[in-house]
N, C-alpha and C. Protein backbone atom coordinates (compact mmCIF):
# COMPACT_ATOMS: atom_id res chain seq x y z
N UNK A 1 0.86 -1.17 0.00
CA UNK A 1 0.00 0.00 0.00
C UNK A 1 0.90 1.23 0.00
N UNK A 2 0.57 2.15 -0.88
CA UNK A 2 1.41 3.36 -1.01
C UNK A 2 0.96 4.41 -0.01
N UNK A 3 1.81 5.41 0.17
CA UNK A 3 1.49 6.52 1.08
C UNK A 3 0.26 7.28 0.62
N UNK A 4 0.09 7.38 -0.71
CA UNK A 4 -1.07 8.09 -1.27
C UNK A 4 -2.38 7.37 -0.92
N UNK A 5 -2.36 6.03 -0.99
CA UNK A 5 -3.55 5.24 -0.66
C UNK A 5 -3.89 5.35 0.83
N UNK A 6 -2.85 5.33 1.69
CA UNK A 6 -3.05 5.47 3.13
C UNK A 6 -3.67 6.82 3.45
N UNK A 7 -3.17 7.87 2.79
CA UNK A 7 -3.70 9.22 3.00
C UNK A 7 -5.15 9.30 2.55
N UNK A 8 -5.48 8.68 1.42
CA UNK A 8 -6.86 8.68 0.92
C UNK A 8 -7.80 7.98 1.90
N UNK A 9 -7.38 6.82 2.41
CA UNK A 9 -8.20 6.07 3.38
C UNK A 9 -8.40 6.90 4.65
N UNK A 10 -7.32 7.53 5.12
CA UNK A 10 -7.39 8.36 6.33
C UNK A 10 -8.36 9.52 6.14
N UNK A 11 -8.27 10.20 5.00
CA UNK A 11 -9.17 11.33 4.73
C UNK A 11 -10.63 10.86 4.64
N UNK A 12 -10.85 9.72 4.02
CA UNK A 12 -12.21 9.17 3.94
C UNK A 12 -12.77 8.88 5.34
N UNK A 13 -11.93 8.30 6.20
CA UNK A 13 -12.39 8.01 7.57
C UNK A 13 -12.68 9.28 8.35
N UNK A 14 -11.85 10.30 8.17
CA UNK A 14 -12.07 11.58 8.86
C UNK A 14 -13.39 12.19 8.41
N UNK A 15 -13.66 12.17 7.11
CA UNK A 15 -14.91 12.72 6.58
C UNK A 15 -16.11 11.95 7.14
N UNK A 16 -16.01 10.61 7.16
CA UNK A 16 -17.10 9.79 7.69
C UNK A 16 -17.35 10.12 9.16
N UNK A 17 -16.27 10.23 9.96
CA UNK A 17 -16.42 10.57 11.38
C UNK A 17 -17.03 11.95 11.57
N UNK A 18 -16.62 12.91 10.75
CA UNK A 18 -17.17 14.27 10.85
C UNK A 18 -18.66 14.29 10.51
N UNK A 19 -19.03 13.59 9.45
CA UNK A 19 -20.44 13.54 9.05
C UNK A 19 -21.26 12.84 10.15
N UNK A 20 -20.74 11.72 10.68
CA UNK A 20 -21.43 11.01 11.75
C UNK A 20 -21.60 11.88 12.98
N UNK A 21 -20.54 12.61 13.34
CA UNK A 21 -20.61 13.52 14.49
C UNK A 21 -21.62 14.62 14.28
N UNK A 22 -21.67 15.16 13.08
CA UNK A 22 -22.63 16.21 12.74
C UNK A 22 -24.06 15.69 12.83
N UNK A 23 -24.29 14.49 12.33
CA UNK A 23 -25.63 13.89 12.40
C UNK A 23 -26.04 13.69 13.85
N UNK A 24 -25.13 13.17 14.67
CA UNK A 24 -25.44 12.98 16.09
C UNK A 24 -25.74 14.30 16.78
N UNK A 25 -24.99 15.34 16.47
CA UNK A 25 -25.21 16.65 17.08
C UNK A 25 -26.59 17.20 16.70
N UNK A 26 -26.98 17.05 15.45
CA UNK A 26 -28.29 17.54 14.99
C UNK A 26 -29.42 16.76 15.69
N UNK A 27 -29.27 15.44 15.75
CA UNK A 27 -30.29 14.60 16.41
C UNK A 27 -30.41 14.99 17.88
N UNK A 28 -29.28 15.18 18.56
CA UNK A 28 -29.29 15.57 19.98
C UNK A 28 -29.94 16.94 20.16
N UNK A 29 -29.61 17.88 19.29
CA UNK A 29 -30.19 19.22 19.39
C UNK A 29 -31.70 19.20 19.22
N UNK A 30 -32.19 18.30 18.39
CA UNK A 30 -33.64 18.20 18.16
C UNK A 30 -34.35 17.46 19.30
N UNK A 31 -33.73 16.39 19.81
CA UNK A 31 -34.41 15.55 20.79
C UNK A 31 -34.20 16.00 22.24
N UNK A 32 -33.12 16.68 22.52
CA UNK A 32 -32.80 17.07 23.90
C UNK A 32 -33.91 17.90 24.55
N UNK A 33 -34.42 18.96 23.90
CA UNK A 33 -35.50 19.73 24.54
C UNK A 33 -36.77 18.89 24.76
N UNK A 34 -37.06 17.99 23.85
CA UNK A 34 -38.25 17.14 23.98
C UNK A 34 -38.08 16.21 25.18
N UNK A 35 -36.89 15.62 25.33
CA UNK A 35 -36.63 14.72 26.46
C UNK A 35 -36.68 15.50 27.77
N UNK A 36 -36.15 16.71 27.78
CA UNK A 36 -36.16 17.54 28.99
C UNK A 36 -37.60 17.87 29.40
N UNK A 37 -38.43 18.27 28.42
CA UNK A 37 -39.83 18.59 28.71
C UNK A 37 -40.59 17.36 29.21
N UNK A 38 -40.31 16.21 28.60
CA UNK A 38 -40.98 14.98 29.02
C UNK A 38 -40.59 14.62 30.46
N UNK A 39 -39.30 14.74 30.79
CA UNK A 39 -38.84 14.44 32.15
C UNK A 39 -39.46 15.40 33.16
N UNK A 40 -39.58 16.68 32.80
CA UNK A 40 -40.17 17.67 33.70
C UNK A 40 -41.65 17.36 33.94
N UNK A 41 -42.36 16.96 32.89
CA UNK A 41 -43.78 16.62 33.01
C UNK A 41 -43.96 15.36 33.87
N UNK A 42 -43.11 14.36 33.65
CA UNK A 42 -43.18 13.13 34.46
C UNK A 42 -42.93 13.43 35.93
N UNK A 43 -41.98 14.33 36.21
CA UNK A 43 -41.69 14.69 37.60
C UNK A 43 -42.88 15.43 38.22
N UNK A 44 -43.49 16.31 37.45
CA UNK A 44 -44.67 17.06 37.95
C UNK A 44 -45.80 16.11 38.31
N UNK A 45 -46.05 15.12 37.46
CA UNK A 45 -47.10 14.13 37.71
C UNK A 45 -46.75 13.30 38.95
N UNK A 46 -45.46 12.91 39.07
CA UNK A 46 -45.02 12.12 40.22
C UNK A 46 -45.17 12.91 41.52
N UNK A 47 -44.87 14.22 41.49
CA UNK A 47 -45.02 15.06 42.68
C UNK A 47 -46.47 15.09 43.13
N UNK A 48 -47.38 15.27 42.20
CA UNK A 48 -48.80 15.35 42.53
C UNK A 48 -49.31 14.03 43.10
N UNK A 49 -48.80 12.90 42.58
CA UNK A 49 -49.23 11.59 43.09
C UNK A 49 -48.76 11.35 44.52
N UNK A 50 -47.63 11.96 44.89
CA UNK A 50 -47.09 11.74 46.23
C UNK A 50 -47.93 12.40 47.31
N UNK A 51 -48.41 13.62 47.03
CA UNK A 51 -49.28 14.31 47.99
C UNK A 51 -50.49 14.83 47.21
N UNK A 52 -51.44 13.94 46.91
CA UNK A 52 -52.58 14.32 46.06
C UNK A 52 -53.50 15.37 46.68
N UNK A 53 -53.50 15.52 48.02
CA UNK A 53 -54.35 16.51 48.68
C UNK A 53 -53.86 17.94 48.49
N UNK A 54 -52.62 18.10 48.07
CA UNK A 54 -52.05 19.44 47.92
C UNK A 54 -52.71 20.17 46.75
N UNK A 55 -53.01 21.46 46.96
CA UNK A 55 -53.50 22.25 45.83
C UNK A 55 -52.35 23.05 45.21
N UNK A 56 -51.17 23.04 45.85
CA UNK A 56 -49.98 23.69 45.28
C UNK A 56 -48.73 22.98 45.77
N UNK A 57 -47.82 22.71 44.84
CA UNK A 57 -46.51 22.17 45.19
C UNK A 57 -45.49 23.11 44.59
N UNK A 58 -44.72 23.77 45.47
CA UNK A 58 -43.77 24.79 45.03
C UNK A 58 -42.35 24.38 45.34
N UNK A 59 -41.45 24.67 44.42
CA UNK A 59 -40.03 24.36 44.63
C UNK A 59 -39.46 25.29 45.70
N UNK A 60 -38.76 24.70 46.67
CA UNK A 60 -38.10 25.48 47.72
C UNK A 60 -36.64 25.73 47.40
N UNK A 61 -35.99 24.78 46.74
CA UNK A 61 -34.58 24.95 46.45
C UNK A 61 -33.95 23.75 45.79
N UNK A 62 -32.62 23.83 45.68
CA UNK A 62 -31.82 22.79 45.05
C UNK A 62 -30.81 22.26 46.06
N UNK A 63 -30.37 21.05 45.85
CA UNK A 63 -29.29 20.48 46.62
C UNK A 63 -28.65 19.38 45.78
N UNK A 64 -27.58 18.79 46.25
CA UNK A 64 -26.99 17.69 45.49
C UNK A 64 -26.54 16.58 46.43
N UNK A 65 -26.63 15.37 45.93
CA UNK A 65 -26.19 14.17 46.64
C UNK A 65 -25.52 13.28 45.61
N UNK A 66 -24.37 12.73 45.95
CA UNK A 66 -23.58 11.93 45.02
C UNK A 66 -23.30 12.72 43.73
N UNK A 67 -23.12 14.02 43.88
CA UNK A 67 -22.87 14.93 42.75
C UNK A 67 -24.02 14.91 41.73
N UNK A 68 -25.21 14.58 42.19
CA UNK A 68 -26.42 14.59 41.36
C UNK A 68 -27.28 15.78 41.78
N UNK A 69 -27.71 16.55 40.81
CA UNK A 69 -28.58 17.71 41.05
C UNK A 69 -29.95 17.23 41.49
N UNK A 70 -30.46 17.80 42.57
CA UNK A 70 -31.77 17.43 43.09
C UNK A 70 -32.53 18.67 43.53
N UNK A 71 -33.83 18.50 43.77
CA UNK A 71 -34.68 19.61 44.19
C UNK A 71 -35.50 19.20 45.40
N UNK A 72 -36.04 20.21 46.10
CA UNK A 72 -36.99 19.91 47.16
C UNK A 72 -38.12 20.93 47.12
N UNK A 73 -39.30 20.48 47.61
CA UNK A 73 -40.55 21.20 47.40
C UNK A 73 -41.36 21.27 48.69
N UNK A 74 -42.28 22.23 48.74
CA UNK A 74 -43.25 22.30 49.82
C UNK A 74 -44.63 22.07 49.21
N UNK A 75 -45.47 21.32 49.91
CA UNK A 75 -46.84 21.06 49.46
C UNK A 75 -47.79 21.81 50.37
N UNK A 76 -48.73 22.53 49.77
CA UNK A 76 -49.68 23.33 50.54
C UNK A 76 -51.12 22.98 50.15
N UNK A 77 -51.99 23.16 51.15
CA UNK A 77 -53.43 23.06 50.91
C UNK A 77 -54.06 24.24 51.63
N UNK A 78 -54.82 25.04 50.89
CA UNK A 78 -55.41 26.27 51.45
C UNK A 78 -54.35 27.13 52.13
N UNK A 79 -53.19 27.24 51.50
CA UNK A 79 -52.05 28.04 51.97
C UNK A 79 -51.33 27.47 53.18
N UNK A 80 -51.79 26.38 53.76
CA UNK A 80 -51.12 25.76 54.91
C UNK A 80 -50.19 24.66 54.41
N UNK A 81 -49.00 24.57 55.00
CA UNK A 81 -48.05 23.52 54.65
C UNK A 81 -48.58 22.18 55.13
N UNK A 82 -48.68 21.21 54.20
CA UNK A 82 -49.16 19.88 54.58
C UNK A 82 -48.06 18.82 54.39
N UNK A 83 -46.93 19.23 53.83
CA UNK A 83 -45.85 18.27 53.65
C UNK A 83 -44.75 18.82 52.77
N UNK A 84 -43.74 17.98 52.57
CA UNK A 84 -42.58 18.34 51.75
C UNK A 84 -42.25 17.16 50.85
N UNK A 85 -41.62 17.46 49.74
CA UNK A 85 -41.14 16.42 48.83
C UNK A 85 -39.69 16.74 48.52
N UNK A 86 -38.84 15.73 48.60
CA UNK A 86 -37.43 15.92 48.27
C UNK A 86 -37.01 14.86 47.27
N UNK A 87 -36.25 15.30 46.28
CA UNK A 87 -35.66 14.37 45.33
C UNK A 87 -34.29 13.99 45.87
N UNK A 88 -33.96 12.70 45.80
CA UNK A 88 -32.69 12.24 46.32
C UNK A 88 -32.20 11.07 45.47
N UNK A 89 -30.93 10.74 45.61
CA UNK A 89 -30.33 9.63 44.88
C UNK A 89 -29.65 8.68 45.85
N UNK A 90 -29.76 7.39 45.59
CA UNK A 90 -29.05 6.38 46.37
C UNK A 90 -28.14 5.60 45.44
N UNK A 91 -26.94 5.28 45.92
CA UNK A 91 -25.99 4.52 45.11
C UNK A 91 -26.31 3.04 45.21
N UNK A 92 -26.88 2.51 44.14
CA UNK A 92 -27.29 1.12 44.11
C UNK A 92 -26.20 0.20 43.60
N UNK A 93 -26.59 -1.01 43.21
CA UNK A 93 -25.66 -2.02 42.74
C UNK A 93 -25.05 -1.61 41.39
N UNK A 94 -25.89 -1.14 40.48
CA UNK A 94 -25.38 -0.80 39.14
C UNK A 94 -25.82 0.58 38.66
N UNK A 95 -26.41 1.38 39.55
CA UNK A 95 -26.84 2.71 39.12
C UNK A 95 -27.12 3.58 40.34
N UNK A 96 -27.35 4.85 40.06
CA UNK A 96 -27.87 5.75 41.09
C UNK A 96 -29.39 5.72 40.97
N UNK A 97 -30.06 5.52 42.09
CA UNK A 97 -31.51 5.37 42.09
C UNK A 97 -32.15 6.72 42.40
N UNK A 98 -32.83 7.29 41.39
CA UNK A 98 -33.49 8.60 41.49
C UNK A 98 -34.82 8.41 42.21
N UNK A 99 -34.94 9.05 43.38
CA UNK A 99 -36.07 8.80 44.27
C UNK A 99 -36.74 10.11 44.69
N UNK A 100 -38.07 10.11 44.74
CA UNK A 100 -38.83 11.21 45.33
C UNK A 100 -39.41 10.73 46.64
N UNK A 101 -39.28 11.56 47.68
CA UNK A 101 -39.76 11.20 49.01
C UNK A 101 -40.73 12.27 49.49
N UNK A 102 -41.95 11.88 49.82
CA UNK A 102 -42.93 12.81 50.40
C UNK A 102 -42.96 12.58 51.90
N UNK A 103 -42.89 13.67 52.67
CA UNK A 103 -42.97 13.58 54.13
C UNK A 103 -44.05 14.53 54.63
N UNK A 104 -44.61 14.20 55.80
CA UNK A 104 -45.61 15.08 56.40
C UNK A 104 -44.90 16.19 57.18
N UNK A 105 -45.65 17.00 57.88
CA UNK A 105 -45.04 18.13 58.60
C UNK A 105 -44.23 17.68 59.81
N UNK A 106 -44.39 16.41 60.23
CA UNK A 106 -43.55 15.85 61.29
C UNK A 106 -42.31 15.18 60.69
N UNK A 107 -42.16 15.29 59.37
CA UNK A 107 -41.03 14.74 58.61
C UNK A 107 -40.96 13.22 58.68
N UNK A 108 -42.15 12.60 58.70
CA UNK A 108 -42.26 11.15 58.56
C UNK A 108 -42.71 10.87 57.13
N UNK A 109 -42.22 9.77 56.58
CA UNK A 109 -42.50 9.44 55.18
C UNK A 109 -43.99 9.19 54.97
N UNK A 110 -44.52 9.83 53.93
CA UNK A 110 -45.89 9.55 53.48
C UNK A 110 -45.81 8.46 52.40
N UNK A 111 -44.92 8.70 51.43
CA UNK A 111 -44.84 7.82 50.27
C UNK A 111 -43.52 8.10 49.56
N UNK A 112 -43.01 7.10 48.82
CA UNK A 112 -41.84 7.32 47.97
C UNK A 112 -42.18 6.91 46.54
N UNK A 113 -41.41 7.44 45.61
CA UNK A 113 -41.57 7.09 44.20
C UNK A 113 -40.17 6.94 43.59
N UNK A 114 -39.97 5.92 42.80
CA UNK A 114 -38.70 5.71 42.12
C UNK A 114 -38.83 6.30 40.71
N UNK A 115 -38.06 7.36 40.43
CA UNK A 115 -38.14 8.02 39.13
C UNK A 115 -37.30 7.30 38.07
N UNK A 116 -36.18 6.73 38.48
CA UNK A 116 -35.33 6.07 37.50
C UNK A 116 -34.19 5.31 38.15
N UNK A 117 -33.71 4.28 37.45
CA UNK A 117 -32.58 3.47 37.91
C UNK A 117 -32.18 2.53 36.79
N UNK A 118 -31.06 1.83 36.99
CA UNK A 118 -30.64 0.79 36.05
C UNK A 118 -30.20 -0.44 36.84
N UNK A 119 -30.97 -0.77 37.87
CA UNK A 119 -30.64 -1.93 38.69
C UNK A 119 -30.96 -3.23 37.94
N UNK A 120 -30.46 -4.34 38.43
CA UNK A 120 -30.58 -5.63 37.78
C UNK A 120 -32.05 -6.04 37.58
N UNK A 121 -32.45 -6.31 36.34
CA UNK A 121 -33.82 -6.77 36.10
C UNK A 121 -34.09 -8.08 36.85
N UNK A 122 -35.27 -8.16 37.47
CA UNK A 122 -35.65 -9.37 38.19
C UNK A 122 -35.15 -9.41 39.62
N UNK A 123 -34.24 -8.52 39.99
CA UNK A 123 -33.74 -8.46 41.38
C UNK A 123 -33.86 -7.03 41.88
N UNK A 124 -32.88 -6.21 41.51
CA UNK A 124 -32.83 -4.83 41.99
C UNK A 124 -34.02 -4.00 41.57
N UNK A 125 -34.61 -4.33 40.42
CA UNK A 125 -35.75 -3.53 39.96
C UNK A 125 -37.00 -3.78 40.79
N UNK A 126 -36.93 -4.70 41.76
CA UNK A 126 -38.05 -4.93 42.68
C UNK A 126 -38.28 -3.71 43.60
N UNK A 127 -37.33 -2.77 43.61
CA UNK A 127 -37.50 -1.54 44.40
C UNK A 127 -38.69 -0.72 43.90
N UNK A 128 -39.15 -1.02 42.70
CA UNK A 128 -40.29 -0.29 42.13
C UNK A 128 -41.63 -0.87 42.55
N UNK A 129 -41.64 -2.02 43.19
CA UNK A 129 -42.91 -2.65 43.55
C UNK A 129 -43.56 -1.94 44.73
N UNK A 130 -44.87 -1.96 44.75
CA UNK A 130 -45.61 -1.37 45.88
C UNK A 130 -45.29 -2.08 47.18
N UNK A 131 -45.04 -3.39 47.12
CA UNK A 131 -44.71 -4.16 48.33
C UNK A 131 -43.50 -3.55 49.03
N UNK A 132 -42.49 -3.19 48.26
CA UNK A 132 -41.29 -2.58 48.84
C UNK A 132 -41.56 -1.13 49.24
N UNK A 133 -42.11 -0.34 48.33
CA UNK A 133 -42.29 1.10 48.58
C UNK A 133 -43.25 1.39 49.73
N UNK A 134 -44.28 0.57 49.88
CA UNK A 134 -45.28 0.82 50.93
C UNK A 134 -44.71 0.66 52.34
N UNK A 135 -43.57 -0.01 52.48
CA UNK A 135 -42.95 -0.18 53.80
C UNK A 135 -42.48 1.14 54.40
N UNK A 136 -42.31 2.16 53.57
CA UNK A 136 -41.73 3.42 54.04
C UNK A 136 -42.75 4.32 54.75
N UNK A 137 -44.03 4.10 54.50
CA UNK A 137 -45.06 4.97 55.08
C UNK A 137 -44.97 5.01 56.60
N UNK A 138 -44.93 6.22 57.15
CA UNK A 138 -44.90 6.42 58.59
C UNK A 138 -43.53 6.34 59.23
N UNK A 139 -42.49 6.03 58.45
CA UNK A 139 -41.14 5.88 59.00
C UNK A 139 -40.45 7.25 59.15
N UNK A 140 -39.70 7.40 60.25
CA UNK A 140 -38.82 8.56 60.43
C UNK A 140 -37.39 8.10 60.16
N UNK A 141 -36.43 8.99 60.28
CA UNK A 141 -35.05 8.64 59.93
C UNK A 141 -34.48 7.52 60.80
N UNK A 142 -34.97 7.38 62.02
CA UNK A 142 -34.47 6.32 62.91
C UNK A 142 -34.92 4.93 62.46
N UNK A 143 -35.96 4.86 61.66
CA UNK A 143 -36.51 3.56 61.25
C UNK A 143 -36.30 3.25 59.77
N UNK A 144 -35.40 3.98 59.15
CA UNK A 144 -35.08 3.74 57.74
C UNK A 144 -33.85 2.84 57.64
N UNK A 145 -33.93 1.72 58.28
CA UNK A 145 -32.84 0.76 58.34
C UNK A 145 -33.30 -0.52 57.65
N UNK A 146 -32.43 -1.10 56.83
CA UNK A 146 -32.75 -2.33 56.12
C UNK A 146 -32.45 -3.54 57.02
N UNK A 147 -33.42 -4.44 57.11
CA UNK A 147 -33.21 -5.72 57.81
C UNK A 147 -33.62 -6.84 56.85
N UNK A 148 -33.05 -8.01 57.07
CA UNK A 148 -33.31 -9.13 56.17
C UNK A 148 -34.46 -10.03 56.62
N UNK A 149 -35.04 -9.73 57.78
CA UNK A 149 -36.16 -10.53 58.29
C UNK A 149 -37.44 -9.71 58.21
N UNK A 150 -38.58 -10.38 58.39
CA UNK A 150 -39.85 -9.66 58.38
C UNK A 150 -39.88 -8.63 59.49
N UNK A 151 -40.41 -7.45 59.19
CA UNK A 151 -40.42 -6.36 60.17
C UNK A 151 -41.54 -5.38 59.85
N UNK A 152 -42.02 -4.70 60.89
CA UNK A 152 -42.93 -3.58 60.68
C UNK A 152 -42.26 -2.30 61.15
N UNK A 153 -41.22 -2.45 61.97
CA UNK A 153 -40.54 -1.27 62.50
C UNK A 153 -39.52 -0.68 61.52
N UNK A 154 -38.93 -1.53 60.70
CA UNK A 154 -37.90 -1.09 59.77
C UNK A 154 -38.32 -1.46 58.34
N UNK A 155 -37.36 -1.47 57.42
CA UNK A 155 -37.66 -1.80 56.03
C UNK A 155 -37.03 -3.15 55.71
N UNK A 156 -37.84 -4.07 55.22
CA UNK A 156 -37.34 -5.40 54.88
C UNK A 156 -36.68 -5.37 53.51
N UNK A 157 -35.46 -5.91 53.46
CA UNK A 157 -34.69 -5.96 52.21
C UNK A 157 -35.38 -6.87 51.20
N UNK A 158 -35.19 -6.56 49.95
CA UNK A 158 -35.66 -7.44 48.88
C UNK A 158 -34.67 -8.60 48.79
N UNK A 159 -35.16 -9.81 48.80
CA UNK A 159 -34.30 -10.98 48.75
C UNK A 159 -33.42 -10.95 47.50
N UNK A 160 -32.12 -11.04 47.69
CA UNK A 160 -31.19 -11.01 46.57
C UNK A 160 -30.85 -9.62 46.08
N UNK A 161 -31.42 -8.60 46.69
CA UNK A 161 -31.17 -7.22 46.25
C UNK A 161 -30.98 -6.29 47.44
N UNK A 162 -30.17 -6.74 48.39
CA UNK A 162 -29.94 -5.93 49.59
C UNK A 162 -29.28 -4.60 49.27
N UNK A 163 -28.36 -4.59 48.30
CA UNK A 163 -27.67 -3.34 47.96
C UNK A 163 -28.66 -2.32 47.41
N UNK A 164 -29.53 -2.75 46.52
CA UNK A 164 -30.54 -1.84 45.96
C UNK A 164 -31.50 -1.37 47.05
N UNK A 165 -31.92 -2.29 47.93
CA UNK A 165 -32.82 -1.94 49.03
C UNK A 165 -32.18 -0.89 49.93
N UNK A 166 -30.92 -1.13 50.29
CA UNK A 166 -30.19 -0.22 51.16
C UNK A 166 -29.97 1.14 50.47
N UNK A 167 -29.73 1.11 49.16
CA UNK A 167 -29.52 2.36 48.42
C UNK A 167 -30.75 3.27 48.50
N UNK A 168 -31.93 2.66 48.45
CA UNK A 168 -33.16 3.45 48.55
C UNK A 168 -33.37 3.92 49.98
N UNK A 169 -33.37 2.98 50.93
CA UNK A 169 -33.74 3.29 52.31
C UNK A 169 -32.69 4.10 53.05
N UNK A 170 -31.49 3.55 53.15
CA UNK A 170 -30.46 4.14 54.01
C UNK A 170 -29.65 5.22 53.32
N UNK A 171 -29.75 5.30 52.00
CA UNK A 171 -29.00 6.33 51.28
C UNK A 171 -29.95 7.42 50.78
N UNK A 172 -30.77 7.11 49.78
CA UNK A 172 -31.63 8.14 49.18
C UNK A 172 -32.64 8.72 50.17
N UNK A 173 -33.45 7.87 50.78
CA UNK A 173 -34.54 8.36 51.64
C UNK A 173 -33.99 8.97 52.93
N UNK A 174 -33.15 8.24 53.63
CA UNK A 174 -32.64 8.72 54.92
C UNK A 174 -31.83 10.00 54.75
N UNK A 175 -30.92 10.04 53.77
CA UNK A 175 -30.10 11.24 53.56
C UNK A 175 -30.93 12.41 53.05
N UNK A 176 -31.94 12.12 52.23
CA UNK A 176 -32.82 13.18 51.75
C UNK A 176 -33.58 13.83 52.88
N UNK A 177 -34.16 13.01 53.75
CA UNK A 177 -34.92 13.56 54.90
C UNK A 177 -33.99 14.29 55.86
N UNK A 178 -32.78 13.73 56.09
CA UNK A 178 -31.82 14.39 56.99
C UNK A 178 -31.45 15.77 56.45
N UNK A 179 -31.24 15.86 55.13
CA UNK A 179 -30.95 17.16 54.53
C UNK A 179 -32.13 18.12 54.72
N UNK A 180 -33.34 17.64 54.50
CA UNK A 180 -34.53 18.47 54.64
C UNK A 180 -34.68 18.97 56.08
N UNK A 181 -34.48 18.08 57.06
CA UNK A 181 -34.58 18.47 58.46
C UNK A 181 -33.58 19.59 58.76
N UNK A 182 -32.34 19.39 58.35
CA UNK A 182 -31.28 20.38 58.60
C UNK A 182 -31.62 21.72 57.93
N UNK A 183 -32.07 21.65 56.68
CA UNK A 183 -32.38 22.86 55.93
C UNK A 183 -33.54 23.63 56.56
N UNK A 184 -34.59 22.91 56.95
CA UNK A 184 -35.75 23.57 57.56
C UNK A 184 -35.39 24.17 58.92
N UNK A 185 -34.55 23.49 59.69
CA UNK A 185 -34.12 24.03 60.97
C UNK A 185 -33.32 25.32 60.78
N UNK A 186 -32.42 25.31 59.80
CA UNK A 186 -31.62 26.51 59.52
C UNK A 186 -32.50 27.65 59.04
N UNK A 187 -33.46 27.32 58.19
CA UNK A 187 -34.33 28.35 57.62
C UNK A 187 -35.25 28.97 58.68
N UNK A 188 -35.80 28.13 59.54
CA UNK A 188 -36.75 28.61 60.53
C UNK A 188 -36.11 28.92 61.88
N UNK A 189 -34.85 28.58 62.03
CA UNK A 189 -34.15 28.90 63.26
C UNK A 189 -34.37 27.91 64.38
N UNK A 190 -35.36 27.03 64.27
CA UNK A 190 -35.64 26.10 65.37
C UNK A 190 -36.24 24.79 64.91
N UNK A 191 -36.73 24.73 63.74
CA UNK A 191 -37.39 23.50 63.27
C UNK A 191 -38.43 23.86 62.25
N UNK A 192 -39.29 22.92 61.94
CA UNK A 192 -40.30 23.18 60.93
C UNK A 192 -41.40 24.07 61.49
N UNK A 193 -41.90 24.91 60.63
CA UNK A 193 -43.03 25.77 61.01
C UNK A 193 -44.18 25.31 60.12
N UNK A 194 -45.19 24.75 60.72
CA UNK A 194 -46.24 24.09 59.96
C UNK A 194 -47.18 25.05 59.24
N UNK A 195 -47.23 26.29 59.66
CA UNK A 195 -48.18 27.21 59.06
C UNK A 195 -47.55 28.14 58.03
N UNK A 196 -46.30 28.42 58.17
CA UNK A 196 -45.65 29.31 57.22
C UNK A 196 -44.38 28.68 56.72
N UNK A 197 -43.90 29.21 55.66
CA UNK A 197 -42.66 28.67 55.09
C UNK A 197 -41.72 29.81 54.81
């Protein structure tokens, strides 16, 4: 093979890579806003499902966990605070688990929702089942501990998926609520104020 042929092949490959890169950039530019809007709409629907009695859910601020951008919200009914929602992430077996946590004014869990993850199908993805998620209702930070036996006081691990279970309970939910408690105490000077924010 001559130097001229090598140069021709190299130039052809460069042109192909440039065209491919340009096509990818155009596709991303077109689809990125649509994906962003869809994700925002899905989050809005998930927020409303967590505290359906609220007539307004307003963003209070931003925070980050595991270098992941997250938000937290206040839920009101007739202008009175009826709860809070915090987005949090837990480091699972094969992904970060994007979680929404709704708490009442006593900062006990009302409900959780899993927004996204890439945990093992058939094992770790059991974190999305109602059987697992319903265990969180009424729990405070002291009771967000994973145990491997049947329990009503704590959260029972999913068989074969203890890491994913722990990522939700002891990482995402517990750390999210702890952050919210600290933030509300700093903001109000003494703790949560149930009537004003």
